[in-house]
Amino acid sequence: MKKIIYLVFTILIIVGILSYPREKTNKIRVAEVTHSVFYTPFYVALENGYFKEEGLNIELILTPGADKVTAAVLSNDVEIGFCGTEATIYVYNNKEKDYLVNFAGLTKKDGSFLVSRKKYENFKLSDLKGKKVIGGRSGDSLKEYN
């Protein structure tokens, strides 16, 4: 008789645990224009599960080009887009009824770096004279500075 009582009690506990309302997570799709060191806090929070702790299930989608990120948000393919403001301004200036709202600035400056194989103690832009520099965006090419 004790075994039956324990079995029924165990089944009731399992059914109770399984039927207990779990916290619903909200899925949010985020389109990012590029992987950037400037988004590191976001990546750390994502990898450490901080969003999940708050009930948010983030799906990060690489979407190269601010125009493509803007299109993804406008078409409801994603809820949030990480990109510069230029595409949202173009949409607004074209008097579209459905336009994006920029609600946060993650960076204040262009995310470009000037790197060298050689160490320069007190670098000045004039040190580029006669050097070849490769641009960081598609379409950029090797340029020599005079």
Protein backbone atom coordinates (compact mmCIF):
# COMPACT_ATOMS: atom_id res chain seq x y z
CA MET A 1 0.00 0.00 0.00
CA LYS A 2 2.88 2.40 0.81
CA LYS A 3 4.37 1.76 -2.65
CA ILE A 4 1.11 2.75 -4.34
CA ILE A 5 0.83 5.91 -2.24
CA TYR A 6 4.47 6.84 -3.08
CA LEU A 7 3.86 6.12 -6.77
CA VAL A 8 0.67 8.23 -6.88
CA PHE A 9 2.40 11.01 -4.93
CA THR A 10 5.40 10.93 -7.33
CA ILE A 11 3.09 11.03 -10.36
CA LEU A 12 1.19 13.98 -8.88
CA ILE A 13 4.47 15.86 -8.30
CA ILE A 14 5.64 15.19 -11.89
CA VAL A 15 2.28 16.26 -13.33
CA GLY A 16 2.33 19.36 -11.12
CA ILE A 17 5.84 20.32 -12.28
CA LEU A 18 5.01 19.74 -15.95
CA SER A 19 1.73 21.66 -15.76
CA TYR A 20 3.19 24.60 -13.81
CA PRO A 21 3.07 27.65 -16.06
CA ARG A 22 6.55 28.35 -17.36
CA GLU A 23 7.73 31.84 -18.11
CA LYS A 24 7.13 32.54 -21.78
CA THR A 25 10.13 33.80 -23.73
CA ASN A 26 9.65 36.41 -26.39
CA LYS A 27 11.55 35.84 -29.63
CA ILE A 28 13.23 38.93 -31.03
CA ARG A 29 15.01 38.81 -34.38
CA VAL A 30 17.89 41.26 -34.70
CA ALA A 31 19.52 42.08 -38.05
CA GLU A 32 23.04 43.46 -37.74
CA VAL A 33 24.82 45.18 -40.60
CA THR A 34 28.23 43.83 -39.58
CA HIS A 35 29.99 41.97 -36.78
CA SER A 36 31.76 44.74 -34.90
CA VAL A 37 33.96 45.02 -31.84
CA PHE A 38 31.75 47.96 -30.86
CA TYR A 39 28.84 45.58 -30.28
CA THR A 40 30.88 43.53 -27.77
CA PRO A 41 28.59 44.28 -24.79
CA PHE A 42 25.64 42.95 -26.80
CA TYR A 43 27.56 39.80 -27.79
CA VAL A 44 28.66 39.19 -24.18
CA ALA A 45 25.11 39.58 -22.91
CA LEU A 46 23.85 37.23 -25.63
CA GLU A 47 26.49 34.55 -24.97
CA ASN A 48 26.09 34.73 -21.19
CA GLY A 49 22.32 34.27 -21.40
CA TYR A 50 21.39 37.65 -19.92
CA PHE A 51 18.60 38.13 -22.44
CA LYS A 52 17.17 34.68 -21.71
CA GLU A 53 17.17 35.53 -17.99
CA GLU A 54 14.87 38.43 -18.87
CA GLY A 55 12.61 36.22 -21.01
CA LEU A 56 14.03 37.29 -24.36
CA ASN A 57 15.09 34.80 -27.02
CA ILE A 58 17.38 36.75 -29.38
CA GLU A 59 18.02 35.52 -32.91
CA LEU A 60 20.96 37.42 -34.42
CA ILE A 61 21.05 37.61 -38.23
CA LEU A 62 23.96 39.09 -40.20
CA THR A 63 22.39 41.32 -42.88
CA PRO A 64 25.15 43.16 -44.77
CA GLY A 65 24.09 46.63 -45.85
CA ALA A 66 22.05 49.26 -44.01
CA ASP A 67 19.55 49.18 -46.87
CA LYS A 68 18.99 45.44 -46.34
CA VAL A 69 18.67 45.85 -42.57
CA THR A 70 16.11 48.62 -43.11
CA ALA A 71 14.18 46.47 -45.59
CA ALA A 72 14.20 43.55 -43.13
CA VAL A 73 12.70 45.73 -40.38
CA LEU A 74 10.11 47.35 -42.68
CA SER A 75 9.00 43.94 -44.00
CA ASN A 76 8.68 42.57 -40.43
CA ASP A 77 11.34 39.92 -41.10
CA VAL A 78 13.11 41.25 -37.98
CA GLU A 79 12.06 43.40 -35.05
CA ILE A 80 15.32 45.33 -34.54
CA GLY A 81 18.07 46.41 -36.92
CA PHE A 82 21.64 47.40 -36.07
CA CYS A 83 22.82 49.82 -38.75
CA GLY A 84 23.66 53.42 -39.33
CA THR A 85 20.98 56.06 -39.58
CA GLU A 86 21.50 56.78 -43.27
CA ALA A 87 18.98 54.23 -44.58
CA THR A 88 16.31 55.26 -42.09
CA ILE A 89 16.80 58.90 -43.10
CA TYR A 90 16.39 57.99 -46.80
CA VAL A 91 13.10 56.23 -46.04
CA TYR A 92 11.83 59.16 -43.95
CA ASN A 93 12.90 61.78 -46.52
CA ASN A 94 10.99 59.89 -49.23
CA LYS A 95 7.80 60.65 -47.26
CA GLU A 96 7.03 56.97 -46.65
CA LYS A 97 4.09 56.41 -44.31
CA ASP A 98 5.85 53.46 -42.70
CA TYR A 99 9.30 54.57 -41.61
CA LEU A 100 11.77 53.45 -38.96
CA VAL A 101 12.49 55.14 -35.67
CA ASN A 102 16.07 55.21 -34.43
CA PHE A 103 15.85 54.56 -30.72
CA ALA A 104 19.43 53.91 -29.64
CA GLY A 105 22.96 54.76 -30.59
CA LEU A 106 25.43 51.95 -29.98
CA THR A 107 28.44 53.78 -31.37
CA LYS A 108 29.37 57.43 -31.72
CA LYS A 109 32.14 57.15 -34.30
CA ASP A 110 32.91 55.16 -37.42
CA GLY A 111 34.11 51.68 -36.55
CA SER A 112 37.31 51.85 -38.56
CA PHE A 113 40.87 51.37 -37.42
CA LEU A 114 44.19 52.23 -38.97
CA VAL A 115 46.63 49.39 -38.34
CA SER A 116 50.23 48.84 -39.37
CA ARG A 117 52.81 46.09 -39.34
CA LYS A 118 55.33 48.64 -38.12
CA LYS A 119 55.14 50.33 -34.72
CA TYR A 120 54.99 54.15 -34.81
CA GLU A 121 55.75 55.82 -31.48
CA ASN A 122 54.10 59.18 -32.18
CA PHE A 123 51.97 58.52 -35.23
CA LYS A 124 50.84 61.47 -37.35
CA LEU A 125 48.68 61.36 -40.47
CA SER A 126 51.65 62.74 -42.41
CA ASP A 127 53.35 59.35 -41.71
CA LEU A 128 51.02 57.92 -44.38
CA LYS A 129 52.77 59.92 -47.10
CA GLY A 130 54.07 57.47 -49.72
CA LYS A 131 52.41 54.49 -47.96
CA LYS A 132 49.77 52.17 -49.40
CA VAL A 133 46.52 51.85 -47.47
CA ILE A 134 43.75 49.30 -47.97
CA GLY A 135 40.25 50.60 -47.26
CA GLY A 136 37.91 48.67 -45.01
CA ARG A 137 34.71 48.69 -47.03
CA SER A 138 33.77 46.76 -50.13
CA GLY A 139 34.67 48.76 -53.20
CA ASP A 140 37.68 50.30 -51.49
CA SER A 141 41.00 49.53 -53.07
CA LEU A 142 44.68 49.90 -52.39
CA LYS A 143 45.50 53.61 -52.33
CA GLU A 144 48.80 55.39 -52.14
CA TYR A 145 48.88 58.62 -50.15
CA ASN A 146 51.03 61.50 -51.43
